[in-house]
Amino acid sequence: MKPPGRRPPAGPRPLREIRPDLVIPTGKRKGSNPSVASIHRALAEQAKHGAHPEAVEAAHADFAALNNGAVPGFRTRAEALGSR
């Protein structure tokens, strides 16, 4: 049996501690670490998508309709939520 490896600390880690583990894969800053502000924005965006998945789904459907040449009309809240 192998001895257990080093475990990560329990609980959330501060952004400044996470930052060195992240690397930007493409673009002008390729290979460097993102700023704390960029990490915060990405986490906020992810939380927003998780909190309102129906809004994200509706936006993706509208974008797909625009790319197909159809222009989506206004929808009531009931119609938007019923399309899930």
N, C-alpha and C. Protein backbone atom coordinates (compact mmCIF):
# COMPACT_ATOMS: atom_id res chain seq x y z
N MET A 1 0.84 -1.18 0.00
CA MET A 1 0.00 0.00 0.00
C MET A 1 0.89 1.24 0.00
N LYS A 2 0.52 2.22 -0.82
CA LYS A 2 1.29 3.45 -0.90
C LYS A 2 0.90 4.39 0.24
N PRO A 3 1.84 5.16 0.73
CA PRO A 3 1.47 6.15 1.74
C PRO A 3 0.65 7.27 1.08
N PRO A 4 -0.29 7.84 1.83
CA PRO A 4 -1.11 8.90 1.23
C PRO A 4 -0.27 10.12 0.87
N GLY A 5 -0.63 10.75 -0.24
CA GLY A 5 0.07 11.96 -0.67
C GLY A 5 -0.36 13.15 0.16
N ARG A 6 0.24 14.26 -0.12
CA ARG A 6 -0.10 15.48 0.60
C ARG A 6 -1.49 15.93 0.18
N ARG A 7 -2.34 16.15 1.16
CA ARG A 7 -3.71 16.57 0.88
C ARG A 7 -3.79 18.09 0.82
N PRO A 8 -4.65 18.60 -0.07
CA PRO A 8 -4.85 20.05 -0.09
C PRO A 8 -5.59 20.47 1.18
N PRO A 9 -5.39 21.71 1.62
CA PRO A 9 -6.06 22.16 2.83
C PRO A 9 -7.58 22.15 2.66
N ALA A 10 -8.27 21.83 3.74
CA ALA A 10 -9.74 21.79 3.69
C ALA A 10 -10.29 23.21 3.62
N GLY A 11 -11.42 23.35 2.94
CA GLY A 11 -12.08 24.65 2.85
C GLY A 11 -11.62 25.46 1.66
N PRO A 12 -12.22 26.61 1.46
CA PRO A 12 -11.87 27.46 0.32
C PRO A 12 -10.47 28.06 0.47
N ARG A 13 -9.82 28.27 -0.67
CA ARG A 13 -8.49 28.87 -0.68
C ARG A 13 -8.59 30.31 -1.15
N PRO A 14 -7.77 31.21 -0.62
CA PRO A 14 -7.77 32.60 -1.09
C PRO A 14 -7.32 32.69 -2.55
N LEU A 15 -7.82 33.70 -3.25
CA LEU A 15 -7.47 33.86 -4.67
C LEU A 15 -5.97 34.01 -4.87
N ARG A 16 -5.31 34.71 -3.99
CA ARG A 16 -3.87 34.91 -4.15
C ARG A 16 -3.11 33.59 -4.04
N GLU A 17 -3.70 32.62 -3.37
CA GLU A 17 -3.08 31.31 -3.25
C GLU A 17 -3.37 30.45 -4.49
N ILE A 18 -4.51 30.65 -5.12
CA ILE A 18 -4.90 29.88 -6.31
C ILE A 18 -4.16 30.39 -7.55
N ARG A 19 -3.90 31.68 -7.61
CA ARG A 19 -3.36 32.34 -8.80
C ARG A 19 -2.13 31.65 -9.40
N PRO A 20 -1.13 31.26 -8.61
CA PRO A 20 0.05 30.63 -9.23
C PRO A 20 -0.25 29.30 -9.92
N ASP A 21 -1.34 28.64 -9.56
CA ASP A 21 -1.68 27.35 -10.17
C ASP A 21 -2.36 27.51 -11.52
N LEU A 22 -2.81 28.71 -11.86
CA LEU A 22 -3.54 28.96 -13.11
C LEU A 22 -2.60 29.54 -14.16
N VAL A 23 -2.80 29.15 -15.42
CA VAL A 23 -1.98 29.64 -16.53
C VAL A 23 -2.91 30.01 -17.67
N ILE A 24 -2.67 31.15 -18.29
CA ILE A 24 -3.47 31.60 -19.44
C ILE A 24 -3.03 30.79 -20.66
N PRO A 25 -3.97 30.05 -21.31
CA PRO A 25 -3.57 29.16 -22.40
C PRO A 25 -3.37 29.83 -23.76
N THR A 26 -4.04 30.95 -24.03
CA THR A 26 -3.94 31.57 -25.36
C THR A 26 -3.88 33.09 -25.22
N GLY A 27 -3.55 33.74 -26.31
CA GLY A 27 -3.59 35.19 -26.35
C GLY A 27 -2.25 35.84 -26.06
N LYS A 28 -2.30 37.16 -25.89
CA LYS A 28 -1.10 37.96 -25.71
C LYS A 28 -0.34 37.57 -24.44
N ARG A 29 -1.05 37.20 -23.39
CA ARG A 29 -0.43 36.86 -22.11
C ARG A 29 -0.29 35.35 -21.92
N LYS A 30 -0.20 34.61 -23.02
CA LYS A 30 -0.10 33.15 -22.98
C LYS A 30 1.07 32.73 -22.09
N GLY A 31 0.78 31.76 -21.20
CA GLY A 31 1.82 31.23 -20.32
C GLY A 31 1.96 31.96 -19.01
N SER A 32 1.34 33.13 -18.87
CA SER A 32 1.44 33.86 -17.60
C SER A 32 0.24 33.57 -16.72
N ASN A 33 0.29 34.06 -15.50
CA ASN A 33 -0.81 33.84 -14.56
C ASN A 33 -1.83 34.97 -14.68
N PRO A 34 -3.13 34.66 -14.53
CA PRO A 34 -4.14 35.72 -14.59
C PRO A 34 -4.09 36.58 -13.33
N SER A 35 -4.59 37.80 -13.45
CA SER A 35 -4.63 38.68 -12.29
C SER A 35 -5.73 38.21 -11.34
N VAL A 36 -5.67 38.69 -10.11
CA VAL A 36 -6.71 38.35 -9.13
C VAL A 36 -8.05 38.87 -9.63
N ALA A 37 -8.08 40.04 -10.25
CA ALA A 37 -9.32 40.60 -10.77
C ALA A 37 -9.91 39.71 -11.87
N SER A 38 -9.07 39.17 -12.74
CA SER A 38 -9.55 38.28 -13.81
C SER A 38 -10.14 37.00 -13.23
N ILE A 39 -9.50 36.47 -12.20
CA ILE A 39 -10.02 35.26 -11.55
C ILE A 39 -11.37 35.57 -10.92
N HIS A 40 -11.47 36.71 -10.27
CA HIS A 40 -12.72 37.11 -9.61
C HIS A 40 -13.83 37.27 -10.64
N ARG A 41 -13.53 37.91 -11.79
CA ARG A 41 -14.53 38.08 -12.85
C ARG A 41 -14.99 36.72 -13.38
N ALA A 42 -14.06 35.80 -13.60
CA ALA A 42 -14.41 34.48 -14.12
C ALA A 42 -15.29 33.71 -13.13
N LEU A 43 -14.97 33.80 -11.84
CA LEU A 43 -15.78 33.13 -10.84
C LEU A 43 -17.18 33.75 -10.74
N ALA A 44 -17.25 35.08 -10.85
CA ALA A 44 -18.55 35.76 -10.81
C ALA A 44 -19.40 35.37 -12.02
N GLU A 45 -18.78 35.28 -13.18
CA GLU A 45 -19.49 34.88 -14.41
C GLU A 45 -20.03 33.45 -14.27
N GLN A 46 -19.20 32.57 -13.72
CA GLN A 46 -19.62 31.19 -13.52
C GLN A 46 -20.78 31.11 -12.54
N ALA A 47 -20.73 31.89 -11.47
CA ALA A 47 -21.82 31.91 -10.49
C ALA A 47 -23.10 32.43 -11.12
N LYS A 48 -22.98 33.44 -11.98
CA LYS A 48 -24.15 34.01 -12.66
C LYS A 48 -24.80 32.97 -13.56
N HIS A 49 -23.99 32.20 -14.28
CA HIS A 49 -24.53 31.16 -15.15
C HIS A 49 -25.21 30.07 -14.33
N GLY A 50 -24.64 29.76 -13.18
CA GLY A 50 -25.24 28.73 -12.33
C GLY A 50 -26.53 29.19 -11.68
N ALA A 51 -26.64 30.50 -11.40
CA ALA A 51 -27.83 31.03 -10.73
C ALA A 51 -29.00 31.22 -11.70
N HIS A 52 -28.71 31.47 -12.97
CA HIS A 52 -29.77 31.75 -13.95
C HIS A 52 -29.58 30.92 -15.22
N PRO A 53 -29.66 29.59 -15.11
CA PRO A 53 -29.41 28.77 -16.31
C PRO A 53 -30.46 28.97 -17.39
N GLU A 54 -31.70 29.31 -17.01
CA GLU A 54 -32.73 29.52 -18.03
C GLU A 54 -32.43 30.76 -18.87
N ALA A 55 -31.86 31.80 -18.26
CA ALA A 55 -31.50 33.00 -19.01
C ALA A 55 -30.37 32.70 -19.99
N VAL A 56 -29.40 31.92 -19.56
CA VAL A 56 -28.29 31.55 -20.43
C VAL A 56 -28.79 30.71 -21.60
N GLU A 57 -29.67 29.77 -21.30
CA GLU A 57 -30.23 28.91 -22.35
C GLU A 57 -31.03 29.74 -23.37
N ALA A 58 -31.82 30.70 -22.88
CA ALA A 58 -32.60 31.56 -23.78
C ALA A 58 -31.67 32.41 -24.65
N ALA A 59 -30.59 32.92 -24.05
CA ALA A 59 -29.64 33.73 -24.82
C ALA A 59 -28.96 32.90 -25.90
N HIS A 60 -28.61 31.66 -25.58
CA HIS A 60 -27.99 30.79 -26.58
C HIS A 60 -28.98 30.47 -27.70
N ALA A 61 -30.25 30.26 -27.36
CA ALA A 61 -31.27 29.98 -28.38
C ALA A 61 -31.47 31.20 -29.28
N ASP A 62 -31.50 32.39 -28.68
CA ASP A 62 -31.66 33.62 -29.46
C ASP A 62 -30.47 33.82 -30.40
N PHE A 63 -29.26 33.56 -29.90
CA PHE A 63 -28.07 33.72 -30.72
C PHE A 63 -28.09 32.74 -31.88
N ALA A 64 -28.49 31.50 -31.61
CA ALA A 64 -28.58 30.50 -32.68
C ALA A 64 -29.61 30.92 -33.72
N ALA A 65 -30.73 31.48 -33.27
CA ALA A 65 -31.77 31.94 -34.20
C ALA A 65 -31.24 33.08 -35.07
N LEU A 66 -30.45 33.98 -34.49
CA LEU A 66 -29.87 35.08 -35.26
C LEU A 66 -28.91 34.55 -36.32
N ASN A 67 -28.15 33.53 -35.99
CA ASN A 67 -27.22 32.95 -36.95
C ASN A 67 -27.93 32.18 -38.05
N ASN A 68 -29.16 31.75 -37.80
CA ASN A 68 -29.95 31.04 -38.81
C ASN A 68 -30.78 31.98 -39.65
N GLY A 69 -30.68 33.27 -39.40
CA GLY A 69 -31.42 34.25 -40.18
C GLY A 69 -32.75 34.64 -39.58
N ALA A 70 -33.22 33.96 -38.57
CA ALA A 70 -34.48 34.31 -37.92
C ALA A 70 -34.21 35.32 -36.81
N VAL A 71 -35.09 36.27 -36.67
CA VAL A 71 -34.96 37.27 -35.62
C VAL A 71 -35.96 36.93 -34.53
N PRO A 72 -35.47 36.64 -33.32
CA PRO A 72 -36.39 36.29 -32.24
C PRO A 72 -37.20 37.51 -31.80
N GLY A 73 -38.45 37.28 -31.46
CA GLY A 73 -39.30 38.36 -30.97
C GLY A 73 -39.26 38.43 -29.46
N PHE A 74 -40.02 39.37 -28.93
CA PHE A 74 -40.10 39.47 -27.49
C PHE A 74 -40.89 38.31 -26.93
N ARG A 75 -40.48 37.83 -25.78
CA ARG A 75 -41.18 36.74 -25.13
C ARG A 75 -41.60 37.18 -23.74
N THR A 76 -42.74 36.66 -23.31
CA THR A 76 -43.15 36.92 -21.94
C THR A 76 -42.32 36.03 -21.03
N ARG A 77 -42.34 36.33 -19.76
CA ARG A 77 -41.58 35.53 -18.81
C ARG A 77 -42.06 34.07 -18.83
N ALA A 78 -43.38 33.88 -18.92
CA ALA A 78 -43.94 32.53 -18.93
C ALA A 78 -43.47 31.76 -20.17
N GLU A 79 -43.40 32.44 -21.33
CA GLU A 79 -42.93 31.78 -22.54
C GLU A 79 -41.45 31.41 -22.42
N ALA A 80 -40.66 32.32 -21.84
CA ALA A 80 -39.23 32.07 -21.70
C ALA A 80 -38.98 30.91 -20.77
N LEU A 81 -39.71 30.86 -19.66
CA LEU A 81 -39.51 29.77 -18.71
C LEU A 81 -40.13 28.48 -19.18
N GLY A 82 -41.16 28.56 -20.03
CA GLY A 82 -41.81 27.36 -20.54
C GLY A 82 -41.01 26.67 -21.63
N SER A 83 -40.02 27.37 -22.23
CA SER A 83 -39.26 26.79 -23.33
C SER A 83 -38.15 25.88 -22.86
N ARG A 84 -38.01 25.69 -21.55
CA ARG A 84 -36.93 24.84 -21.03
C ARG A 84 -37.16 23.44 -21.37
